[in-house]
C-alpha cells in the first residue's frame, strides 16, 4: 500500500488535480486505516468533483471509524439526501446507530440497505449483529447464514453461527458449523 501511495503522489506531482490519483490515494489511505489523511485527500478530491457520492460516503465511514459519529452521520445523510437509494450510506448509518445503542434507528437503516442490495454480505452481517445485540438469536442466525452464503470467508460470521448454534442446538451443531467454516477458512487460527 505504501508503494501505491508513492505512485499516486508521483502522479499528483505531475498534475495535482488528477482526479483518479486523488480518489485512489484517498481510498488506499482509508484501507490502511489512515482515516484523517484519507478524509483530507477525499476533501481535496471533492473540490474537483463535488458530486461524487462514493467519496462523500467514504468520508462518513472514515469519521465513523474515528468514533466521530455525528460528523459521520452528516455525510451519510447528505448522500441519502442526494440519492435515497445509495445503499452504503444507509448501511453506514445503521452501523453508527448500532454503536450508539440506537437499535430502532439501526433496524430502519439496515433494513433499507438490504432492500437496496440483498446480496451484500456486510449488510447481512450488520443485521446479524443487530439481532444478536437485542437477543433475537434466531434472526441473528438467519442473517449470519446469509452473510456466509454471500461471503464464506467471513470468519467472524461463522463464529457467531457456531456460538448461536451452541446455545440453541447444542455442541454437535456448533461443531458442524465450525467444520463447515473451516472448509472455507483453513488458515484461520480462531476456527
Protein backbone atom coordinates (compact mmCIF):
# COMPACT_ATOMS: atom_id res chain seq x y z
CA UNK A 1 0.00 0.00 0.00
CA UNK A 2 2.88 2.37 0.71
CA UNK A 3 4.09 1.78 -2.87
CA UNK A 4 0.64 2.67 -4.17
CA UNK A 5 0.69 5.91 -2.15
CA UNK A 6 4.12 6.73 -3.63
CA UNK A 7 2.77 6.14 -7.14
CA UNK A 8 -0.29 8.33 -6.52
CA UNK A 9 1.90 11.06 -5.02
CA UNK A 10 4.15 10.94 -8.08
CA UNK A 11 1.14 11.27 -10.38
CA UNK A 12 -0.05 14.21 -8.29
CA UNK A 13 3.34 15.99 -8.55
CA UNK A 14 2.90 15.89 -12.31
CA UNK A 15 -0.73 17.06 -12.09
CA UNK A 16 -2.06 18.00 -8.64
CA UNK A 17 -5.66 17.91 -9.86
CA UNK A 18 -5.52 14.44 -11.40
CA UNK A 19 -8.81 13.13 -10.03
CA UNK A 20 -8.21 9.36 -10.33
CA UNK A 21 -4.92 9.63 -8.41
CA UNK A 22 -6.56 11.69 -5.65
CA UNK A 23 -9.51 9.33 -5.34
CA UNK A 24 -7.39 6.17 -5.33
CA UNK A 25 -4.89 7.67 -2.90
CA UNK A 26 -7.75 8.55 -0.53
CA UNK A 27 -9.23 5.06 -0.83
CA UNK A 28 -5.86 3.45 -0.21
CA UNK A 29 -5.31 5.62 2.88
CA UNK A 30 -8.74 4.62 4.20
CA UNK A 31 -7.92 0.94 3.62
CA UNK A 32 -4.65 1.47 5.51
CA UNK A 33 -6.72 2.90 8.41
CA UNK A 34 -5.10 6.31 7.99
CA UNK A 35 -8.51 7.91 8.32
CA UNK A 36 -7.52 11.53 8.92
CA UNK A 37 -5.24 11.56 5.86
CA UNK A 38 -7.93 9.82 3.82
CA UNK A 39 -10.52 12.43 4.85
CA UNK A 40 -8.24 15.30 3.84
CA UNK A 41 -7.44 13.66 0.50
CA UNK A 42 -11.11 12.96 -0.21
CA UNK A 43 -11.96 16.58 0.63
CA UNK A 44 -9.34 17.74 -1.88
CA UNK A 45 -10.85 15.36 -4.43
CA UNK A 46 -14.36 16.69 -3.74
CA UNK A 47 -13.21 20.22 -4.62
CA UNK A 48 -12.70 18.85 -8.13
CA UNK A 49 -15.66 16.51 -8.19
CA UNK A 50 -18.14 17.80 -5.57
CA UNK A 51 -20.99 15.45 -6.53
CA UNK A 52 -19.12 12.19 -6.01
CA UNK A 53 -21.30 10.25 -3.58
CA UNK A 54 -18.80 7.44 -3.12
CA UNK A 55 -16.20 9.86 -1.82
CA UNK A 56 -18.73 11.54 0.49
CA UNK A 57 -19.88 8.17 1.84
CA UNK A 58 -16.31 7.01 2.42
CA UNK A 59 -15.58 10.22 4.33
CA UNK A 60 -18.55 9.32 6.52
CA UNK A 61 -17.10 5.87 7.03
CA UNK A 62 -13.71 7.34 8.00
CA UNK A 63 -15.36 9.55 10.60
CA UNK A 64 -17.32 6.52 11.82
CA UNK A 65 -14.07 4.55 12.27
CA UNK A 66 -12.65 7.50 14.21
CA UNK A 67 -15.67 7.39 16.52
CA UNK A 68 -16.88 10.82 15.34
CA UNK A 69 -20.43 9.62 14.84
CA UNK A 70 -22.19 12.98 14.45
CA UNK A 71 -19.88 14.01 11.62
CA UNK A 72 -20.17 10.57 10.03
CA UNK A 73 -23.96 10.90 10.07
CA UNK A 74 -23.79 14.33 8.44
CA UNK A 75 -22.01 12.80 5.46
CA UNK A 76 -24.31 9.77 5.26
CA UNK A 77 -27.43 11.98 5.46
CA UNK A 78 -26.04 14.25 2.75
CA UNK A 79 -25.52 11.26 0.45
CA UNK A 80 -29.05 9.94 1.11
CA UNK A 81 -30.49 13.40 0.53
CA UNK A 82 -28.89 13.35 -2.92
CA UNK A 83 -29.66 9.70 -3.68
CA UNK A 84 -32.11 7.91 -1.38
CA UNK A 85 -31.13 4.59 -2.99
CA UNK A 86 -27.44 4.79 -2.05
CA UNK A 87 -27.27 1.58 0.00
CA UNK A 88 -23.83 2.13 1.55
CA UNK A 89 -24.99 5.36 3.21
CA UNK A 90 -27.95 3.54 4.78
CA UNK A 91 -25.58 0.82 5.92
CA UNK A 92 -23.16 3.38 7.36
CA UNK A 93 -25.98 4.98 9.33
CA UNK A 94 -27.03 1.56 10.62
CA UNK A 95 -23.51 0.91 11.93
CA UNK A 96 -23.34 4.29 13.67
CA UNK A 97 -26.75 3.76 15.25
CA UNK A 98 -25.74 0.24 16.34
CA UNK A 99 -22.57 1.58 18.00
CA UNK A 100 -24.67 4.26 19.74
CA UNK A 101 -27.15 1.66 21.01
CA UNK A 102 -29.99 3.18 18.97
CA UNK A 103 -31.36 -0.17 17.84
CA UNK A 104 -34.65 1.02 16.32
CA UNK A 105 -32.81 3.53 14.13
CA UNK A 106 -30.24 0.87 13.27
CA UNK A 107 -33.01 -1.51 12.20
CA UNK A 108 -34.56 1.13 9.95
CA UNK A 109 -31.31 1.80 8.10
CA UNK A 110 -30.08 -1.81 7.84
CA UNK A 111 -33.49 -2.86 6.53
CA UNK A 112 -33.31 -0.18 3.84
CA UNK A 113 -29.75 -1.17 2.89
CA UNK A 114 -30.86 -4.79 2.48
CA UNK A 115 -33.88 -3.73 0.42
CA UNK A 116 -31.48 -1.99 -1.94
CA UNK A 117 -28.90 -4.78 -2.04
CA UNK A 118 -29.98 -8.12 -0.60
CA UNK A 119 -26.79 -9.89 -1.65
CA UNK A 120 -24.32 -7.73 0.28
CA UNK A 121 -22.64 -9.84 2.95
CA UNK A 122 -21.67 -6.75 5.00
CA UNK A 123 -25.30 -5.67 5.24
CA UNK A 124 -26.35 -9.15 6.36
CA UNK A 125 -23.55 -9.16 8.94
CA UNK A 126 -24.76 -5.79 10.29
CA UNK A 127 -28.27 -7.18 10.51
CA UNK A 128 -26.94 -10.21 12.38
CA UNK A 129 -25.06 -8.01 14.82
CA UNK A 130 -28.21 -6.01 15.50
CA UNK A 131 -30.33 -9.11 16.15
CA UNK A 132 -27.58 -10.59 18.32
CA UNK A 133 -27.33 -7.40 20.42
CA UNK A 134 -31.08 -7.32 21.05
CA UNK A 135 -31.13 -11.02 21.95
CA UNK A 136 -33.03 -12.30 18.90
CA UNK A 137 -30.73 -15.27 18.27
CA UNK A 138 -32.97 -16.96 15.67
CA UNK A 139 -32.98 -13.94 13.35
CA UNK A 140 -29.30 -13.33 14.07
CA UNK A 141 -28.57 -16.87 12.93
CA UNK A 142 -30.55 -16.33 9.71
CA UNK A 143 -28.67 -13.10 9.00
CA UNK A 144 -25.25 -14.62 9.69
CA UNK A 145 -26.11 -17.59 7.45
CA UNK A 146 -26.91 -15.13 4.65
CA UNK A 147 -23.58 -13.45 5.38
CA UNK A 148 -21.59 -16.63 4.77
CA UNK A 149 -23.79 -17.57 1.83
CA UNK A 150 -22.50 -14.45 0.06
CA UNK A 151 -19.06 -14.44 1.71
CA UNK A 152 -17.96 -17.84 3.03
CA UNK A 153 -14.62 -16.30 4.09
CA UNK A 154 -16.18 -14.18 6.85
CA UNK A 155 -14.70 -15.92 9.89
CA UNK A 156 -16.46 -13.64 12.37
CA UNK A 157 -19.87 -14.55 10.93
CA UNK A 158 -19.02 -18.25 11.17
CA UNK A 159 -18.01 -17.79 14.80
CA UNK A 160 -21.34 -16.11 15.54
CA UNK A 161 -23.14 -19.02 13.82
CA UNK A 162 -21.25 -21.54 15.93
CA UNK A 163 -21.92 -19.60 19.14
CA UNK A 164 -25.65 -19.31 18.40
CA UNK A 165 -25.87 -22.97 17.35
CA UNK A 166 -24.14 -23.97 20.58
CA UNK A 167 -26.74 -22.04 22.55
CA UNK A 168 -29.78 -23.11 20.53
CA UNK A 169 -28.97 -26.61 19.26
CA UNK A 170 -26.00 -27.83 21.28
CA UNK A 171 -22.39 -28.83 20.88
CA UNK A 172 -22.77 -31.08 17.83
CA UNK A 173 -24.48 -28.34 15.82
CA UNK A 174 -21.79 -25.81 16.80
CA UNK A 175 -19.03 -28.23 15.77
CA UNK A 176 -20.68 -28.86 12.41
CA UNK A 177 -20.78 -25.09 11.83
CA UNK A 178 -17.10 -24.76 12.68
CA UNK A 179 -16.16 -27.67 10.40
CA UNK A 180 -18.08 -26.09 7.53
CA UNK A 181 -16.41 -22.76 8.25
CA UNK A 182 -13.01 -24.44 8.27
CA UNK A 183 -13.53 -25.77 4.72
CA UNK A 184 -13.52 -22.15 3.52
CA UNK A 185 -11.06 -20.72 6.04
CA UNK A 186 -8.50 -23.40 6.89
CA UNK A 187 -5.84 -20.79 7.72
CA UNK A 188 -7.90 -19.19 10.49
CA UNK A 189 -6.43 -19.75 13.96
CA UNK A 190 -9.75 -18.67 15.50
CA UNK A 191 -11.58 -21.54 13.81
